[in-house]
Amino acid sequence: MAKQGDQRGFRACFGKNGEPFPTLLASVGQPFAFWYEGKEQDGFIRDLTPLECERLMGLPEGWTEYGCKDEPISDHARCFALGNAIALPCAEYIIAGIVEVMQ
């Protein structure tokens, strides 16, 4: 819906108070429905920044800013890489469960 510019359909898909946010995907942009106060229809749709994606994934700020040769990475490539990653808090939770079972 976001790709088609259908804001009404996009807001109907998710983004209401109390609902979980969908996962980051590498294959598509990450449009985000935002509102601070009031009703959802008073908000707007925008793309997430690489910094916001890093925070959502539980990574330190700037984690994807530079490549292995200290060259700057484009915002698109950063978001793509984050969409292919596993969220750090999820990995920690799974590993903690494995450790608990093995002890």
PDB file of N, CA and C in Angstrom:
ATOM      1  N   MET A   1       0.824  -1.196   0.000  1.00  0.00           N
ATOM      2  CA  MET A   1       0.000   0.000   0.000  1.00  0.00           C
ATOM      3  C   MET A   1       0.863   1.253   0.000  1.00  0.00           C
ATOM      4  N   ALA A   2       1.964   1.211   0.766  1.00  0.00           N
ATOM      5  CA  ALA A   2       2.842   2.377   0.817  1.00  0.00           C
ATOM      6  C   ALA A   2       3.506   2.615  -0.533  1.00  0.00           C
ATOM      7  N   LYS A   3       3.921   1.534  -1.204  1.00  0.00           N
ATOM      8  CA  LYS A   3       4.563   1.674  -2.511  1.00  0.00           C
ATOM      9  C   LYS A   3       3.614   2.317  -3.514  1.00  0.00           C
ATOM     10  N   GLN A   4       2.333   2.040  -3.394  1.00  0.00           N
ATOM     11  CA  GLN A   4       1.338   2.596  -4.312  1.00  0.00           C
ATOM     12  C   GLN A   4       0.888   3.985  -3.889  1.00  0.00           C
ATOM     13  N   GLY A   5       1.344   4.439  -2.734  1.00  0.00           N
ATOM     14  CA  GLY A   5       0.942   5.753  -2.245  1.00  0.00           C
ATOM     15  C   GLY A   5      -0.451   5.775  -1.653  1.00  0.00           C
ATOM     16  N   ASP A   6      -0.975   4.612  -1.312  1.00  0.00           N
ATOM     17  CA  ASP A   6      -2.316   4.509  -0.739  1.00  0.00           C
ATOM     18  C   ASP A   6      -2.221   4.635   0.781  1.00  0.00           C
ATOM     19  N   GLN A   7      -2.277   5.878   1.266  1.00  0.00           N
ATOM     20  CA  GLN A   7      -2.113   6.108   2.699  1.00  0.00           C
ATOM     21  C   GLN A   7      -3.236   5.476   3.523  1.00  0.00           C
ATOM     22  N   ARG A   8      -4.443   5.547   3.031  1.00  0.00           N
ATOM     23  CA  ARG A   8      -5.568   4.979   3.773  1.00  0.00           C
ATOM     24  C   ARG A   8      -5.411   3.457   3.916  1.00  0.00           C
ATOM     25  N   GLY A   9      -5.084   2.787   2.811  1.00  0.00           N
ATOM     26  CA  GLY A   9      -4.866   1.342   2.857  1.00  0.00           C
ATOM     27  C   GLY A   9      -3.669   0.975   3.705  1.00  0.00           C
ATOM     28  N   PHE A  10      -2.624   1.803   3.654  1.00  0.00           N
ATOM     29  CA  PHE A  10      -1.414   1.554   4.439  1.00  0.00           C
ATOM     30  C   PHE A  10      -1.730   1.603   5.926  1.00  0.00           C
ATOM     31  N   ARG A  11      -2.447   2.629   6.329  1.00  0.00           N
ATOM     32  CA  ARG A  11      -2.786   2.758   7.752  1.00  0.00           C
ATOM     33  C   ARG A  11      -3.716   1.644   8.220  1.00  0.00           C
ATOM     34  N   ALA A  12      -4.516   1.116   7.306  1.00  0.00           N
ATOM     35  CA  ALA A  12      -5.427   0.034   7.669  1.00  0.00           C
ATOM     36  C   ALA A  12      -4.672  -1.281   7.872  1.00  0.00           C
ATOM     37  N   CYS A  13      -3.468  -1.404   7.282  1.00  0.00           N
ATOM     38  CA  CYS A  13      -2.687  -2.638   7.380  1.00  0.00           C
ATOM     39  C   CYS A  13      -2.086  -2.829   8.763  1.00  0.00           C
ATOM     40  N   PHE A  14      -1.626  -1.775   9.395  1.00  0.00           N
ATOM     41  CA  PHE A  14      -0.977  -1.843  10.705  1.00  0.00           C
ATOM     42  C   PHE A  14      -0.823  -0.431  11.230  1.00  0.00           C
ATOM     43  N   GLY A  15      -0.242  -0.318  12.383  1.00  0.00           N
ATOM     44  CA  GLY A  15       0.108   0.995  12.894  1.00  0.00           C
ATOM     45  C   GLY A  15      -0.875   1.591  13.870  1.00  0.00           C
ATOM     46  N   LYS A  16      -1.826   0.813  14.329  1.00  0.00           N
ATOM     47  CA  LYS A  16      -2.751   1.330  15.325  1.00  0.00           C
ATOM     48  C   LYS A  16      -2.143   1.152  16.715  1.00  0.00           C
ATOM     49  N   ASN A  17      -2.568   1.985  17.662  1.00  0.00           N
ATOM     50  CA  ASN A  17      -2.046   1.915  19.025  1.00  0.00           C
ATOM     51  C   ASN A  17      -2.117   0.497  19.577  1.00  0.00           C
ATOM     52  N   GLY A  18      -1.009   0.047  20.173  1.00  0.00           N
ATOM     53  CA  GLY A  18      -0.973  -1.262  20.814  1.00  0.00           C
ATOM     54  C   GLY A  18      -0.644  -2.423  19.902  1.00  0.00           C
ATOM     55  N   GLU A  19      -0.576  -2.203  18.588  1.00  0.00           N
ATOM     56  CA  GLU A  19      -0.263  -3.297  17.662  1.00  0.00           C
ATOM     57  C   GLU A  19       1.242  -3.367  17.432  1.00  0.00           C
ATOM     58  N   PRO A  20       1.778  -4.570  17.182  1.00  0.00           N
ATOM     59  CA  PRO A  20       3.224  -4.678  16.919  1.00  0.00           C
ATOM     60  C   PRO A  20       3.570  -4.093  15.554  1.00  0.00           C
ATOM     61  N   PHE A  21       4.822  -3.663  15.415  1.00  0.00           N
ATOM     62  CA  PHE A  21       5.310  -3.138  14.145  1.00  0.00           C
ATOM     63  C   PHE A  21       5.881  -4.293  13.343  1.00  0.00           C
ATOM     64  N   PRO A  22       5.681  -4.334  12.030  1.00  0.00           N
ATOM     65  CA  PRO A  22       6.217  -5.439  11.233  1.00  0.00           C
ATOM     66  C   PRO A  22       7.743  -5.417  11.211  1.00  0.00           C
ATOM     67  N   THR A  23       8.338  -6.529  10.839  1.00  0.00           N
ATOM     68  CA  THR A  23       9.793  -6.623  10.794  1.00  0.00           C
ATOM     69  C   THR A  23      10.357  -5.824   9.628  1.00  0.00           C
ATOM     70  N   LEU A  24      11.647  -5.508   9.727  1.00  0.00           N
ATOM     71  CA  LEU A  24      12.336  -4.838   8.622  1.00  0.00           C
ATOM     72  C   LEU A  24      12.582  -5.856   7.528  1.00  0.00           C
ATOM     73  N   LEU A  25      12.381  -5.474   6.286  1.00  0.00           N
ATOM     74  CA  LEU A  25      12.609  -6.357   5.154  1.00  0.00           C
ATOM     75  C   LEU A  25      13.611  -5.723   4.204  1.00  0.00           C
ATOM     76  N   ALA A  26      14.543  -6.521   3.709  1.00  0.00           N
ATOM     77  CA  ALA A  26      15.541  -5.994   2.782  1.00  0.00           C
ATOM     78  C   ALA A  26      14.944  -5.750   1.395  1.00  0.00           C
ATOM     79  N   SER A  27      13.896  -6.468   1.042  1.00  0.00           N
ATOM     80  CA  SER A  27      13.384  -6.415  -0.321  1.00  0.00           C
ATOM     81  C   SER A  27      12.555  -5.165  -0.625  1.00  0.00           C
ATOM     82  N   VAL A  28      12.106  -4.468   0.390  1.00  0.00           N
ATOM     83  CA  VAL A  28      11.277  -3.273   0.169  1.00  0.00           C
ATOM     84  C   VAL A  28      11.746  -2.151   1.083  1.00  0.00           C
ATOM     85  N   GLY A  29      11.355  -0.929   0.736  1.00  0.00           N
ATOM     86  CA  GLY A  29      11.625   0.193   1.621  1.00  0.00           C
ATOM     87  C   GLY A  29      10.864   0.016   2.919  1.00  0.00           C
ATOM     88  N   GLN A  30      11.213   0.773   3.901  1.00  0.00           N
ATOM     89  CA  GLN A  30      10.583   0.630   5.210  1.00  0.00           C
ATOM     90  C   GLN A  30       9.703   1.831   5.530  1.00  0.00           C
ATOM     91  N   PRO A  31       8.548   1.955   4.865  1.00  0.00           N
ATOM     92  CA  PRO A  31       7.660   3.058   5.218  1.00  0.00           C
ATOM     93  C   PRO A  31       7.159   2.876   6.638  1.00  0.00           C
ATOM     94  N   PHE A  32       6.928   3.959   7.300  1.00  0.00           N
ATOM     95  CA  PHE A  32       6.587   3.943   8.709  1.00  0.00           C
ATOM     96  C   PHE A  32       5.443   4.913   8.957  1.00  0.00           C
ATOM     97  N   ALA A  33       4.376   4.450   9.576  1.00  0.00           N
ATOM     98  CA  ALA A  33       3.265   5.323   9.928  1.00  0.00           C
ATOM     99  C   ALA A  33       3.588   5.964  11.273  1.00  0.00           C
ATOM    100  N   PHE A  34       3.517   7.289  11.354  1.00  0.00           N
ATOM    101  CA  PHE A  34       3.913   7.994  12.563  1.00  0.00           C
ATOM    102  C   PHE A  34       2.818   8.935  13.024  1.00  0.00           C
ATOM    103  N   TRP A  35       2.562   8.919  14.309  1.00  0.00           N
ATOM    104  CA  TRP A  35       1.753   9.946  14.948  1.00  0.00           C
ATOM    105  C   TRP A  35       2.199  10.029  16.387  1.00  0.00           C
ATOM    106  N   TYR A  36       2.137  11.217  16.941  1.00  0.00           N
ATOM    107  CA  TYR A  36       2.601  11.419  18.310  1.00  0.00           C
ATOM    108  C   TYR A  36       1.430  11.419  19.280  1.00  0.00           C
ATOM    109  N   GLU A  37       0.432  12.203  18.981  1.00  0.00           N
ATOM    110  CA  GLU A  37      -0.766  12.260  19.807  1.00  0.00           C
ATOM    111  C   GLU A  37      -1.978  12.315  18.896  1.00  0.00           C
ATOM    112  N   GLY A  38      -3.126  12.018  19.444  1.00  0.00           N
ATOM    113  CA  GLY A  38      -4.339  12.097  18.650  1.00  0.00           C
ATOM    114  C   GLY A  38      -4.618  10.811  17.905  1.00  0.00           C
ATOM    115  N   LYS A  39      -5.397  10.913  16.855  1.00  0.00           N
ATOM    116  CA  LYS A  39      -5.816   9.742  16.088  1.00  0.00           C
ATOM    117  C   LYS A  39      -4.790   9.386  15.025  1.00  0.00           C
ATOM    118  N   GLU A  40      -4.782   8.111  14.641  1.00  0.00           N
ATOM    119  CA  GLU A  40      -3.817   7.639  13.654  1.00  0.00           C
ATOM    120  C   GLU A  40      -3.913   8.411  12.342  1.00  0.00           C
ATOM    121  N   GLN A  41      -5.112   8.760  11.914  1.00  0.00           N
ATOM    122  CA  GLN A  41      -5.265   9.445  10.631  1.00  0.00           C
ATOM    123  C   GLN A  41      -4.658  10.847  10.649  1.00  0.00           C
ATOM    124  N   ASP A  42      -4.278  11.356  11.822  1.00  0.00           N
ATOM    125  CA  ASP A  42      -3.619  12.650  11.912  1.00  0.00           C
ATOM    126  C   ASP A  42      -2.113  12.534  11.680  1.00  0.00           C
ATOM    127  N   GLY A  43      -1.620  11.323  11.579  1.00  0.00           N
ATOM    128  CA  GLY A  43      -0.190  11.102  11.384  1.00  0.00           C
ATOM    129  C   GLY A  43       0.194  11.173   9.923  1.00  0.00           C
ATOM    130  N   PHE A  44       1.367  10.660   9.611  1.00  0.00           N
ATOM    131  CA  PHE A  44       1.860  10.672   8.237  1.00  0.00           C
ATOM    132  C   PHE A  44       2.740   9.453   8.007  1.00  0.00           C
ATOM    133  N   ILE A  45       3.086   9.226   6.747  1.00  0.00           N
ATOM    134  CA  ILE A  45       3.917   8.088   6.363  1.00  0.00           C
ATOM    135  C   ILE A  45       5.274   8.609   5.916  1.00  0.00           C
ATOM    136  N   ARG A  46       6.330   7.980   6.407  1.00  0.00           N
ATOM    137  CA  ARG A  46       7.680   8.348   5.986  1.00  0.00           C
ATOM    138  C   ARG A  46       8.558   7.106   6.023  1.00  0.00           C
ATOM    139  N   ASP A  47       9.756   7.211   5.447  1.00  0.00           N
ATOM    140  CA  ASP A  47      10.715   6.107   5.473  1.00  0.00           C
ATOM    141  C   ASP A  47      11.537   6.174   6.756  1.00  0.00           C
ATOM    142  N   LEU A  48      11.926   5.013   7.259  1.00  0.00           N
ATOM    143  CA  LEU A  48      12.821   4.959   8.402  1.00  0.00           C
ATOM    144  C   LEU A  48      14.230   5.323   7.968  1.00  0.00           C
ATOM    145  N   THR A  49      14.976   5.968   8.840  1.00  0.00           N
ATOM    146  CA  THR A  49      16.367   6.291   8.561  1.00  0.00           C
ATOM    147  C   THR A  49      17.237   5.089   8.945  1.00  0.00           C
ATOM    148  N   PRO A  50      18.467   5.018   8.428  1.00  0.00           N
ATOM    149  CA  PRO A  50      19.355   3.930   8.841  1.00  0.00           C
ATOM    150  C   PRO A  50      19.574   3.904  10.363  1.00  0.00           C
ATOM    151  N   LEU A  51      19.666   5.077  10.979  1.00  0.00           N
ATOM    152  CA  LEU A  51      19.843   5.147  12.425  1.00  0.00           C
ATOM    153  C   LEU A  51      18.658   4.504  13.149  1.00  0.00           C
ATOM    154  N   GLU A  52      17.445   4.794  12.696  1.00  0.00           N
ATOM    155  CA  GLU A  52      16.258   4.200  13.312  1.00  0.00           C
ATOM    156  C   GLU A  52      16.246   2.685  13.113  1.00  0.00           C
ATOM    157  N   CYS A  53      16.654   2.232  11.929  1.00  0.00           N
ATOM    158  CA  CYS A  53      16.715   0.794  11.663  1.00  0.00           C
ATOM    159  C   CYS A  53      17.734   0.113  12.578  1.00  0.00           C
ATOM    160  N   GLU A  54      18.891   0.762  12.782  1.00  0.00           N
ATOM    161  CA  GLU A  54      19.900   0.203  13.687  1.00  0.00           C
ATOM    162  C   GLU A  54      19.344   0.086  15.102  1.00  0.00           C
ATOM    163  N   ARG A  55      18.661   1.113  15.544  1.00  0.00           N
ATOM    164  CA  ARG A  55      18.071   1.082  16.890  1.00  0.00           C
ATOM    165  C   ARG A  55      17.028  -0.019  17.009  1.00  0.00           C
ATOM    166  N   LEU A  56      16.176  -0.171  15.982  1.00  0.00           N
ATOM    167  CA  LEU A  56      15.159  -1.225  16.011  1.00  0.00           C
ATOM    168  C   LEU A  56      15.784  -2.618  16.077  1.00  0.00           C
ATOM    169  N   MET A  57      16.951  -2.766  15.473  1.00  0.00           N
ATOM    170  CA  MET A  57      17.626  -4.059  15.453  1.00  0.00           C
ATOM    171  C   MET A  57      18.479  -4.287  16.702  1.00  0.00           C
ATOM    172  N   GLY A  58      18.542  -3.292  17.598  1.00  0.00           N
ATOM    173  CA  GLY A  58      19.305  -3.432  18.824  1.00  0.00           C
ATOM    174  C   GLY A  58      20.795  -3.243  18.640  1.00  0.00           C
ATOM    175  N   LEU A  59      21.195  -2.565  17.571  1.00  0.00           N
ATOM    176  CA  LEU A  59      22.612  -2.343  17.282  1.00  0.00           C
ATOM    177  C   LEU A  59      23.039  -0.948  17.726  1.00  0.00           C
ATOM    178  N   PRO A  60      24.327  -0.753  17.956  1.00  0.00           N
ATOM    179  CA  PRO A  60      24.812   0.587  18.315  1.00  0.00           C
ATOM    180  C   PRO A  60      24.598   1.568  17.158  1.00  0.00           C
ATOM    181  N   GLU A  61      24.431   2.838  17.497  1.00  0.00           N
ATOM    182  CA  GLU A  61      24.260   3.866  16.470  1.00  0.00           C
ATOM    183  C   GLU A  61      25.494   3.916  15.578  1.00  0.00           C
ATOM    184  N   GLY A  62      25.298   3.981  14.276  1.00  0.00           N
ATOM    185  CA  GLY A  62      26.393   4.055  13.325  1.00  0.00           C
ATOM    186  C   GLY A  62      27.024   2.715  12.984  1.00  0.00           C
ATOM    187  N   TRP A  63      26.441   1.626  13.448  1.00  0.00           N
ATOM    188  CA  TRP A  63      27.002   0.285  13.243  1.00  0.00           C
ATOM    189  C   TRP A  63      27.216  -0.030  11.759  1.00  0.00           C
ATOM    190  N   THR A  64      26.341   0.431  10.908  1.00  0.00           N
ATOM    191  CA  THR A  64      26.435   0.125   9.467  1.00  0.00           C
ATOM    192  C   THR A  64      26.943   1.308   8.649  1.00  0.00           C
ATOM    193  N   GLU A  65      27.439   2.349   9.305  1.00  0.00           N
ATOM    194  CA  GLU A  65      27.815   3.575   8.602  1.00  0.00           C
ATOM    195  C   GLU A  65      29.006   3.394   7.661  1.00  0.00           C
ATOM    196  N   TYR A  66      29.953   2.531   8.028  1.00  0.00           N
ATOM    197  CA  TYR A  66      31.156   2.339   7.221  1.00  0.00           C
ATOM    198  C   TYR A  66      31.366   0.875   6.892  1.00  0.00           C
ATOM    199  N   GLY A  67      31.961   0.618   5.721  1.00  0.00           N
ATOM    200  CA  GLY A  67      32.277  -0.734   5.292  1.00  0.00           C
ATOM    201  C   GLY A  67      33.584  -1.221   5.894  1.00  0.00           C
ATOM    202  N   CYS A  68      34.049  -2.387   5.449  1.00  0.00           N
ATOM    203  CA  CYS A  68      35.251  -2.999   6.010  1.00  0.00           C
ATOM    204  C   CYS A  68      36.516  -2.217   5.682  1.00  0.00           C
ATOM    205  N   LYS A  69      36.469  -1.364   4.669  1.00  0.00           N
ATOM    206  CA  LYS A  69      37.635  -0.544   4.311  1.00  0.00           C
ATOM    207  C   LYS A  69      37.422   0.912   4.732  1.00  0.00           C
ATOM    208  N   ASP A  70      36.563   1.130   5.709  1.00  0.00           N
ATOM    209  CA  ASP A  70      36.220   2.465   6.229  1.00  0.00           C
ATOM    210  C   ASP A  70      35.637   3.405   5.180  1.00  0.00           C
ATOM    211  N   GLU A  71      35.022   2.832   4.116  1.00  0.00           N
ATOM    212  CA  GLU A  71      34.338   3.667   3.131  1.00  0.00           C
ATOM    213  C   GLU A  71      32.891   3.857   3.591  1.00  0.00           C
ATOM    214  N   PRO A  72      32.327   5.060   3.399  1.00  0.00           N
ATOM    215  CA  PRO A  72      30.933   5.291   3.793  1.00  0.00           C
ATOM    216  C   PRO A  72      29.986   4.400   2.983  1.00  0.00           C
ATOM    217  N   ILE A  73      28.949   3.931   3.628  1.00  0.00           N
ATOM    218  CA  ILE A  73      27.941   3.078   3.004  1.00  0.00           C
ATOM    219  C   ILE A  73      26.687   3.924   2.762  1.00  0.00           C
ATOM    220  N   SER A  74      26.051   3.758   1.612  1.00  0.00           N
ATOM    221  CA  SER A  74      24.837   4.527   1.307  1.00  0.00           C
ATOM    222  C   SER A  74      23.703   4.135   2.246  1.00  0.00           C
ATOM    223  N   ASP A  75      22.773   5.061   2.439  1.00  0.00           N
ATOM    224  CA  ASP A  75      21.617   4.785   3.300  1.00  0.00           C
ATOM    225  C   ASP A  75      20.835   3.580   2.795  1.00  0.00           C
ATOM    226  N   HIS A  76      20.678   3.482   1.474  1.00  0.00           N
ATOM    227  CA  HIS A  76      19.944   2.357   0.898  1.00  0.00           C
ATOM    228  C   HIS A  76      20.626   1.029   1.235  1.00  0.00           C
ATOM    229  N   ALA A  77      21.950   0.980   1.066  1.00  0.00           N
ATOM    230  CA  ALA A  77      22.686  -0.253   1.361  1.00  0.00           C
ATOM    231  C   ALA A  77      22.639  -0.580   2.854  1.00  0.00           C
ATOM    232  N   ARG A  78      22.677   0.439   3.691  1.00  0.00           N
ATOM    233  CA  ARG A  78      22.604   0.218   5.141  1.00  0.00           C
ATOM    234  C   ARG A  78      21.255  -0.408   5.518  1.00  0.00           C
ATOM    235  N   CYS A  79      20.173   0.169   5.007  1.00  0.00           N
ATOM    236  CA  CYS A  79      18.841  -0.364   5.319  1.00  0.00           C
ATOM    237  C   CYS A  79      18.666  -1.763   4.740  1.00  0.00           C
ATOM    238  N   PHE A  80      19.217  -2.004   3.571  1.00  0.00           N
ATOM    239  CA  PHE A  80      19.147  -3.326   2.954  1.00  0.00           C
ATOM    240  C   PHE A  80      19.854  -4.352   3.838  1.00  0.00           C
ATOM    241  N   ALA A  81      21.042  -4.008   4.317  1.00  0.00           N
ATOM    242  CA  ALA A  81      21.797  -4.917   5.186  1.00  0.00           C
ATOM    243  C   ALA A  81      21.051  -5.170   6.491  1.00  0.00           C
ATOM    244  N   LEU A  82      20.465  -4.140   7.057  1.00  0.00           N
ATOM    245  CA  LEU A  82      19.724  -4.303   8.304  1.00  0.00           C
ATOM    246  C   LEU A  82      18.475  -5.156   8.101  1.00  0.00           C
ATOM    247  N   GLY A  83      17.864  -5.048   6.925  1.00  0.00           N
ATOM    248  CA  GLY A  83      16.701  -5.875   6.622  1.00  0.00           C
ATOM    249  C   GLY A  83      17.048  -7.344   6.482  1.00  0.00           C
ATOM    250  N   ASN A  84      18.314  -7.639   6.194  1.00  0.00           N
ATOM    251  CA  ASN A  84      18.772  -9.029   6.088  1.00  0.00           C
ATOM    252  C   ASN A  84      19.344  -9.560   7.401  1.00  0.00           C
ATOM    253  N   ALA A  85      19.354  -8.750   8.424  1.00  0.00           N
ATOM    254  CA  ALA A  85      19.967  -9.121   9.699  1.00  0.00           C
ATOM    255  C   ALA A  85      18.935  -9.687  10.671  1.00  0.00           C
ATOM    256  N   ILE A  86      19.428 -10.290  11.738  1.00  0.00           N
ATOM    257  CA  ILE A  86      18.558 -10.721  12.829  1.00  0.00           C
ATOM    258  C   ILE A  86      18.658  -9.679  13.933  1.00  0.00           C
ATOM    259  N   ALA A  87      17.548  -9.358  14.560  1.00  0.00           N
ATOM    260  CA  ALA A  87      17.549  -8.377  15.632  1.00  0.00           C
ATOM    261  C   ALA A  87      18.343  -8.922  16.820  1.00  0.00           C
ATOM    262  N   LEU A  88      19.269  -8.119  17.322  1.00  0.00           N
ATOM    263  CA  LEU A  88      20.143  -8.540  18.409  1.00  0.00           C
ATOM    264  C   LEU A  88      19.360  -8.987  19.649  1.00  0.00           C
ATOM    265  N   PRO A  89      18.326  -8.268  20.094  1.00  0.00           N
ATOM    266  CA  PRO A  89      17.580  -8.744  21.257  1.00  0.00           C
ATOM    267  C   PRO A  89      16.951 -10.128  21.043  1.00  0.00           C
ATOM    268  N   CYS A  90      16.504 -10.421  19.830  1.00  0.00           N
ATOM    269  CA  CYS A  90      15.936 -11.746  19.540  1.00  0.00           C
ATOM    270  C   CYS A  90      17.015 -12.821  19.635  1.00  0.00           C
ATOM    271  N   ALA A  91      18.181 -12.550  19.071  1.00  0.00           N
ATOM    272  CA  ALA A  91      19.284 -13.513  19.121  1.00  0.00           C
ATOM    273  C   ALA A  91      19.706 -13.753  20.565  1.00  0.00           C
ATOM    274  N   GLU A  92      19.803 -12.692  21.359  1.00  0.00           N
ATOM    275  CA  GLU A  92      20.183 -12.840  22.770  1.00  0.00           C
ATOM    276  C   GLU A  92      19.166 -13.688  23.532  1.00  0.00           C
ATOM    277  N   TYR A  93      17.884 -13.476  23.258  1.00  0.00           N
ATOM    278  CA  TYR A  93      16.832 -14.236  23.924  1.00  0.00           C
ATOM    279  C   TYR A  93      16.932 -15.725  23.576  1.00  0.00           C
ATOM    280  N   ILE A  94      17.148 -16.022  22.315  1.00  0.00           N
ATOM    281  CA  ILE A  94      17.244 -17.421  21.875  1.00  0.00           C
ATOM    282  C   ILE A  94      18.470 -18.086  22.486  1.00  0.00           C
ATOM    283  N   ILE A  95      19.610 -17.405  22.442  1.00  0.00           N
ATOM    284  CA  ILE A  95      20.844 -17.977  23.004  1.00  0.00           C
ATOM    285  C   ILE A  95      20.693 -18.171  24.509  1.00  0.00           C
ATOM    286  N   ALA A  96      20.074 -17.234  25.200  1.00  0.00           N
ATOM    287  CA  ALA A  96      19.862 -17.381  26.646  1.00  0.00           C
ATOM    288  C   ALA A  96      19.001 -18.614  26.933  1.00  0.00           C
ATOM    289  N   GLY A  97      17.994 -18.880  26.108  1.00  0.00           N
ATOM    290  CA  GLY A  97      17.156 -20.057  26.283  1.00  0.00           C
ATOM    291  C   GLY A  97      17.941 -21.334  26.073  1.00  0.00           C
ATOM    292  N   ILE A  98      18.816 -21.341  25.081  1.00  0.00           N
ATOM    293  CA  ILE A  98      19.652 -22.511  24.818  1.00  0.00           C
ATOM    294  C   ILE A  98      20.588 -22.761  26.010  1.00  0.00           C
ATOM    295  N   VAL A  99      21.206 -21.695  26.521  1.00  0.00           N
ATOM    296  CA  VAL A  99      22.108 -21.816  27.673  1.00  0.00           C
ATOM    297  C   VAL A  99      21.350 -22.358  28.874  1.00  0.00           C
ATOM    298  N   GLU A 100      20.148 -21.862  29.101  1.00  0.00           N
ATOM    299  CA  GLU A 100      19.337 -22.324  30.235  1.00  0.00           C
ATOM    300  C   GLU A 100      19.029 -23.809  30.133  1.00  0.00           C
ATOM    301  N   VAL A 101      18.681 -24.276  28.972  1.00  0.00           N
ATOM    302  CA  VAL A 101      18.371 -25.693  28.771  1.00  0.00           C
ATOM    303  C   VAL A 101      19.610 -26.571  28.939  1.00  0.00           C
ATOM    304  N   MET A 102      20.746 -26.065  28.485  1.00  0.00           N
ATOM    305  CA  MET A 102      21.971 -26.862  28.526  1.00  0.00           C
ATOM    306  C   MET A 102      22.597 -26.919  29.933  1.00  0.00           C
ATOM    307  N   GLN A 103      22.202 -26.024  30.807  1.00  0.00           N
ATOM    308  CA  GLN A 103      22.800 -26.029  32.159  1.00  0.00           C
ATOM    309  C   GLN A 103      22.092 -26.950  33.096  1.00  0.00           C
TER     310      GLN A 103
END
